[in-house]
Amino acid sequence: MFGYIEPDKGELKMKELTRYRAFYCALCKSIGARYSQTARLTLNYDCAFFALALCNTLGPGRCVPMRCGYKPLKKPMPIIEQSAGIDFAADVNVALAYNKLCDDIADERGQKRIRAKVGHAALKQDYAKVRRYNKALCGAIERSMAELNAIEKSMDGSIDAPAAAFAGLMHSAALCAPIESMPIRKAFAALCAALGRWVYIMDAWDDRARDRESGAYNAFNIAAKDANEAELRERAEIMLFNSLREAEEAYMLLRPLEDGAIIENILKEGCGLKTRRLIGGNDDESV
């Protein structure tokens, strides 16, 4: 949905990086097969992680050589074979993208609102397919988005409330995953909820300047009326690292996983590095 959850590729072994890309490409292929080519443009790292973690809870994923439709002249590359986990992740990717566009239409102004309307129209038929494939998933996301929108409209300056609502959205979506074991499904949902909270806070902190300029909702900009920059930065840092700790705790309930080294790299190195860079001030933000 936002594209923050990705590995620290420099710390991955070559075979691990190849396997990670195999999941990313498999998700892309599934979106293209189940939906439109336009829908493939919504592919993002967050949902690639969702596919990686989900498929690992369902069992080993086998790599098969396939050609990339976007790079037909290149030799076949290893891609994870299609499965219920990959297809469900494709459904989640499209559903989240569509609902994010709905949210942007309501919140944004100017060119971004126009682009959101164009994207919304382009994905309308794809989202209708998601609803046919998985009505429960769409219902869970729509209810959570309604809750999040209500919190944002209240403009009460709470950072925890909207972040918790987005965490709830990811938790509800993950509970719809095709995982037979309820304890494992709950642990997977807890992992997704913690990362959902982290993603929401990262995005809100990252977009402060742009949202302030456009007048779009941003919890940190509202909170800035009662707190200075240093206080807000400290609050964001605590919330972000607490969310990552919760994600790691949930992940521990899922171990051992075949691609555990990749997942741990993403949670500890990838997300940790992004957090330190953003909160450390490398966000081109001057307040």
Protein backbone atom coordinates (compact mmCIF):
# COMPACT_ATOMS: atom_id res chain seq x y z
CA MET A 1 0.00 0.00 0.00
CA PHE A 2 2.84 2.36 0.76
CA GLY A 3 6.00 0.42 -0.10
CA TYR A 4 7.98 0.81 3.13
CA ILE A 5 8.45 -2.86 4.05
CA GLU A 6 11.48 -4.10 2.15
CA PRO A 7 14.75 -5.87 2.94
CA ASP A 8 18.18 -4.44 3.45
CA LYS A 9 19.33 -6.05 0.23
CA GLY A 10 23.00 -5.47 0.93
CA GLU A 11 22.77 -7.79 3.95
CA LEU A 12 21.05 -10.64 2.11
CA LYS A 13 22.94 -13.55 0.59
CA MET A 14 22.59 -13.81 -3.17
CA LYS A 15 20.36 -16.90 -2.93
CA GLU A 16 18.15 -15.10 -0.39
CA LEU A 17 17.82 -12.03 -2.60
CA THR A 18 16.97 -14.26 -5.56
CA ARG A 19 14.28 -16.00 -3.50
CA TYR A 20 12.84 -12.68 -2.28
CA ARG A 21 12.59 -11.47 -5.87
CA ALA A 22 10.92 -14.77 -6.75
CA PHE A 23 8.06 -13.90 -4.38
CA TYR A 24 7.84 -10.33 -5.70
CA CYS A 25 7.63 -11.57 -9.29
CA ALA A 26 5.10 -14.27 -8.38
CA LEU A 27 2.84 -11.66 -6.82
CA CYS A 28 3.15 -9.51 -9.94
CA LYS A 29 2.22 -12.47 -12.15
CA SER A 30 -0.75 -13.36 -9.98
CA ILE A 31 -2.10 -9.80 -10.09
CA GLY A 32 -1.75 -9.81 -13.88
CA ALA A 33 -3.45 -13.20 -14.21
CA ARG A 34 -6.33 -12.46 -11.85
CA TYR A 35 -6.82 -8.79 -12.66
CA SER A 36 -5.86 -6.21 -15.29
CA GLN A 37 -2.44 -5.12 -16.44
CA THR A 38 -3.23 -1.75 -14.86
CA ALA A 39 -3.64 -3.50 -11.51
CA ARG A 40 -0.05 -4.75 -11.77
CA LEU A 41 1.06 -1.13 -11.42
CA THR A 42 -0.19 -1.21 -7.81
CA LEU A 43 2.33 -3.90 -6.83
CA ASN A 44 4.36 -2.78 -3.81
CA TYR A 45 6.94 -4.06 -1.33
CA ASP A 46 4.46 -4.17 1.55
CA CYS A 47 2.28 -6.74 -0.18
CA ALA A 48 5.36 -8.62 -1.39
CA PHE A 49 6.25 -9.11 2.28
CA PHE A 50 2.65 -10.14 2.95
CA ALA A 51 2.99 -12.81 0.24
CA LEU A 52 6.37 -13.95 1.56
CA ALA A 53 5.17 -14.33 5.15
CA LEU A 54 1.83 -15.89 4.22
CA CYS A 55 3.31 -18.47 1.84
CA ASN A 56 5.86 -19.42 4.47
CA THR A 57 3.11 -20.17 6.98
CA LEU A 58 1.36 -22.37 4.41
CA GLY A 59 4.40 -24.47 3.53
CA PRO A 60 7.53 -24.42 1.36
CA GLY A 61 7.20 -22.53 -1.91
CA ARG A 62 8.89 -24.04 -4.95
CA CYS A 63 10.73 -21.84 -7.45
CA VAL A 64 10.07 -22.52 -11.12
CA PRO A 65 11.79 -20.84 -14.12
CA MET A 66 9.51 -18.37 -15.92
CA ARG A 67 9.88 -15.44 -18.26
CA CYS A 68 8.92 -11.95 -17.20
CA GLY A 69 6.24 -10.37 -19.37
CA TYR A 70 7.95 -7.00 -19.00
CA LYS A 71 11.38 -8.41 -19.93
CA PRO A 72 10.58 -11.08 -22.55
CA LEU A 73 14.08 -11.09 -24.07
CA LYS A 74 15.74 -12.04 -20.81
CA LYS A 75 16.26 -15.68 -19.86
CA PRO A 76 13.69 -17.30 -17.54
CA MET A 77 14.10 -16.34 -13.90
CA PRO A 78 13.15 -18.25 -10.74
CA ILE A 79 9.62 -17.37 -9.61
CA ILE A 80 7.60 -18.91 -6.80
CA GLU A 81 4.90 -21.11 -8.29
CA GLN A 82 1.34 -19.87 -7.98
CA SER A 83 -0.51 -20.91 -4.84
CA ALA A 84 -3.44 -19.96 -2.63
CA GLY A 85 -1.08 -17.75 -0.61
CA ILE A 86 0.22 -15.84 -3.63
CA ASP A 87 -3.29 -15.38 -5.03
CA PHE A 88 -4.65 -14.15 -1.69
CA ALA A 89 -1.79 -11.65 -1.45
CA ALA A 90 -2.72 -10.44 -4.95
CA ASP A 91 -6.31 -9.91 -3.76
CA VAL A 92 -5.06 -7.95 -0.75
CA ASN A 93 -2.76 -5.84 -2.93
CA VAL A 94 -5.57 -4.79 -5.28
CA ALA A 95 -8.11 -4.28 -2.49
CA LEU A 96 -5.78 -2.07 -0.49
CA ALA A 97 -4.78 -0.05 -3.56
CA TYR A 98 -8.41 0.57 -4.51
CA ASN A 99 -9.46 1.59 -1.00
CA LYS A 100 -6.43 3.86 -0.70
CA LEU A 101 -7.56 5.64 -3.86
CA CYS A 102 -11.03 6.05 -2.36
CA ASP A 103 -9.39 7.61 0.70
CA ASP A 104 -7.27 9.92 -1.46
CA ILE A 105 -10.34 11.15 -3.33
CA ALA A 106 -11.89 12.14 -0.02
CA ASP A 107 -8.76 13.66 1.53
CA GLU A 108 -6.58 15.09 -1.23
CA ARG A 109 -6.83 18.24 -3.29
CA GLY A 110 -5.69 19.33 -6.74
CA GLN A 111 -3.66 17.07 -9.02
CA LYS A 112 -3.36 14.24 -6.51
CA ARG A 113 -7.14 14.07 -6.18
CA ILE A 114 -7.50 14.00 -9.97
CA ARG A 115 -4.94 11.18 -10.22
CA ALA A 116 -6.78 9.28 -7.49
CA LYS A 117 -10.03 9.57 -9.44
CA VAL A 118 -8.36 8.26 -12.59
CA GLY A 119 -6.83 5.35 -10.69
CA HIS A 120 -10.12 4.63 -8.94
CA ALA A 121 -11.92 4.37 -12.27
CA ALA A 122 -9.18 2.14 -13.70
CA LEU A 123 -9.37 -0.31 -10.77
CA LYS A 124 -13.14 -0.35 -10.33
CA GLN A 125 -13.69 -3.58 -12.29
CA ASP A 126 -10.66 -5.19 -10.64
CA TYR A 127 -12.07 -4.45 -7.19
CA ALA A 128 -15.39 -5.96 -8.25
CA LYS A 129 -13.42 -9.14 -9.01
CA VAL A 130 -11.78 -9.06 -5.57
CA ARG A 131 -15.26 -8.87 -4.06
CA ARG A 132 -16.33 -11.92 -6.06
CA TYR A 133 -13.24 -13.85 -5.04
CA ASN A 134 -13.26 -12.83 -1.38
CA LYS A 135 -16.24 -10.88 -0.09
CA ALA A 136 -15.11 -11.25 3.52
CA LEU A 137 -11.76 -9.60 2.76
CA CYS A 138 -13.39 -6.60 1.07
CA GLY A 139 -15.88 -6.22 3.89
CA ALA A 140 -13.14 -6.27 6.51
CA ILE A 141 -11.10 -3.63 4.68
CA GLU A 142 -14.10 -1.39 3.99
CA ARG A 143 -15.24 -1.47 7.63
CA SER A 144 -11.75 -0.61 8.84
CA MET A 145 -11.40 2.19 6.28
CA ALA A 146 -14.71 3.65 7.47
CA GLU A 147 -13.40 3.60 11.05
CA LEU A 148 -10.15 5.23 9.97
CA ASN A 149 -11.99 7.92 8.00
CA ALA A 150 -14.18 8.72 11.01
CA ILE A 151 -11.10 9.14 13.20
CA GLU A 152 -9.43 11.39 10.64
CA LYS A 153 -12.54 13.55 10.28
CA SER A 154 -12.69 14.06 14.05
CA MET A 155 -9.35 15.97 13.83
CA ASP A 156 -8.66 15.33 17.52
CA GLY A 157 -4.89 15.24 17.12
CA SER A 158 -4.46 11.63 18.23
CA ILE A 159 -1.63 9.75 16.56
CA ASP A 160 -2.36 6.43 18.25
CA ALA A 161 -6.00 6.24 17.16
CA PRO A 162 -5.57 6.34 13.34
CA ALA A 163 -2.45 4.16 13.55
CA ALA A 164 -4.40 1.61 15.59
CA ALA A 165 -7.25 1.73 13.08
CA PHE A 166 -4.91 0.93 10.20
CA ALA A 167 -3.34 -1.82 12.29
CA GLY A 168 -6.85 -3.16 12.77
CA LEU A 169 -7.41 -3.06 9.02
CA MET A 170 -4.36 -5.22 8.39
CA HIS A 171 -5.30 -7.54 11.25
CA SER A 172 -8.79 -8.06 9.82
CA ALA A 173 -7.46 -8.63 6.31
CA ALA A 174 -4.89 -11.16 7.55
CA LEU A 175 -7.56 -13.10 9.46
CA CYS A 176 -9.19 -13.80 6.08
CA ALA A 177 -6.03 -15.56 4.87
CA PRO A 178 -6.29 -19.25 3.88
CA ILE A 179 -4.48 -20.53 6.99
CA GLU A 180 -6.21 -23.54 8.55
CA SER A 181 -4.58 -23.37 11.98
CA MET A 182 -6.28 -20.63 14.01
CA PRO A 183 -3.27 -20.04 16.33
CA ILE A 184 -1.01 -19.59 13.30
CA ARG A 185 -3.57 -17.37 11.59
CA LYS A 186 -3.82 -15.19 14.70
CA ALA A 187 -0.03 -14.91 14.93
CA PHE A 188 0.15 -13.97 11.25
CA ALA A 189 -2.59 -11.37 11.79
CA ALA A 190 -0.69 -9.95 14.78
CA LEU A 191 2.43 -9.61 12.61
CA CYS A 192 0.44 -7.79 9.92
CA ALA A 193 -1.24 -5.53 12.49
CA ALA A 194 2.08 -4.44 14.01
CA LEU A 195 3.55 -3.72 10.59
CA GLY A 196 0.36 -1.93 9.55
CA ARG A 197 0.75 0.39 12.53
CA TRP A 198 4.42 0.95 11.63
CA VAL A 199 3.56 1.71 7.99
CA TYR A 200 0.85 4.22 8.93
CA ILE A 201 3.17 6.13 11.28
CA MET A 202 6.04 6.06 8.78
CA ASP A 203 3.81 7.42 6.04
CA ALA A 204 2.32 10.13 8.26
CA TRP A 205 5.76 11.30 9.40
CA ASP A 206 7.14 11.16 5.87
CA ASP A 207 4.25 13.21 4.44
CA ARG A 208 4.07 16.00 7.03
CA ALA A 209 5.34 18.79 4.79
CA ARG A 210 3.30 17.77 1.75
CA ASP A 211 0.12 17.31 3.78
CA ARG A 212 0.61 20.63 5.53
CA GLU A 213 0.95 22.35 2.18
CA SER A 214 -2.05 20.62 0.60
CA GLY A 215 -4.26 20.76 3.68
CA ALA A 216 -4.67 16.97 3.77
CA TYR A 217 -5.16 15.21 7.08
CA ASN A 218 -1.99 14.31 8.98
CA ALA A 219 -2.03 13.32 12.64
CA PHE A 220 1.45 14.74 13.28
CA ASN A 221 0.51 18.14 11.85
CA ILE A 222 -2.50 18.33 14.14
CA ALA A 223 -0.45 17.21 17.13
CA ALA A 224 2.16 19.88 16.27
CA LYS A 225 -0.22 22.50 17.67
CA ASP A 226 0.52 21.19 21.17
CA ALA A 227 4.06 19.80 20.79
CA ASN A 228 7.35 20.95 19.31
CA GLU A 229 9.38 19.15 16.64
CA ALA A 230 11.65 17.36 19.11
CA GLU A 231 8.70 16.03 21.10
CA LEU A 232 6.93 14.81 17.98
CA ARG A 233 10.08 13.13 16.69
CA GLU A 234 10.59 11.34 19.99
CA ARG A 235 6.95 10.21 20.04
CA ALA A 236 7.18 8.93 16.49
CA GLU A 237 10.43 7.07 17.22
CA ILE A 238 8.96 5.32 20.27
CA MET A 239 5.81 4.31 18.39
CA LEU A 240 7.75 3.04 15.38
CA PHE A 241 10.25 0.91 17.29
CA ASN A 242 7.53 -0.42 19.60
CA SER A 243 5.60 -1.51 16.49
CA LEU A 244 8.66 -3.29 15.11
CA ARG A 245 9.19 -5.07 18.42
CA GLU A 246 5.59 -6.24 18.36
CA ALA A 247 6.07 -7.47 14.80
CA GLU A 248 9.16 -9.47 15.83
CA GLU A 249 7.29 -10.97 18.79
CA ALA A 250 4.46 -12.08 16.51
CA TYR A 251 6.96 -13.48 14.02
CA MET A 252 8.54 -15.61 16.76
CA LEU A 253 5.20 -17.42 17.11
CA LEU A 254 5.41 -18.45 13.44
CA ARG A 255 8.94 -19.86 13.50
CA PRO A 256 10.57 -21.87 12.07
CA LEU A 257 9.90 -20.73 8.50
CA GLU A 258 11.76 -21.74 5.36
CA ASP A 259 12.55 -18.14 4.45
CA GLY A 260 13.07 -17.01 8.04
CA ALA A 261 16.41 -15.36 7.25
CA ILE A 262 14.73 -13.11 4.66
CA ILE A 263 11.82 -12.24 6.95
CA GLU A 264 14.18 -11.45 9.82
CA ASN A 265 16.28 -9.26 7.53
CA ILE A 266 13.18 -7.29 6.57
CA LEU A 267 11.93 -6.87 10.14
CA LYS A 268 15.26 -6.10 11.78
CA GLU A 269 17.53 -4.62 9.13
CA GLY A 270 15.18 -3.34 6.42
CA CYS A 271 12.45 -1.74 8.53
CA GLY A 272 14.88 -0.71 11.25
CA LEU A 273 17.13 1.05 8.75
CA LYS A 274 14.19 2.89 7.16
CA THR A 275 13.00 4.00 10.59
CA ARG A 276 16.40 5.32 11.65
CA ARG A 277 16.86 7.16 8.36
CA LEU A 278 13.45 8.82 8.50
CA ILE A 279 13.38 9.70 12.19
CA GLY A 280 17.04 10.61 12.12
CA GLY A 281 16.17 13.55 9.92
CA ASN A 282 17.03 12.27 6.45
CA ASP A 283 13.54 13.05 5.23
CA ASP A 284 14.25 16.39 3.55
CA GLU A 285 11.92 18.01 6.03
CA SER A 286 12.38 21.45 7.47
CA VAL A 287 9.82 22.62 9.99
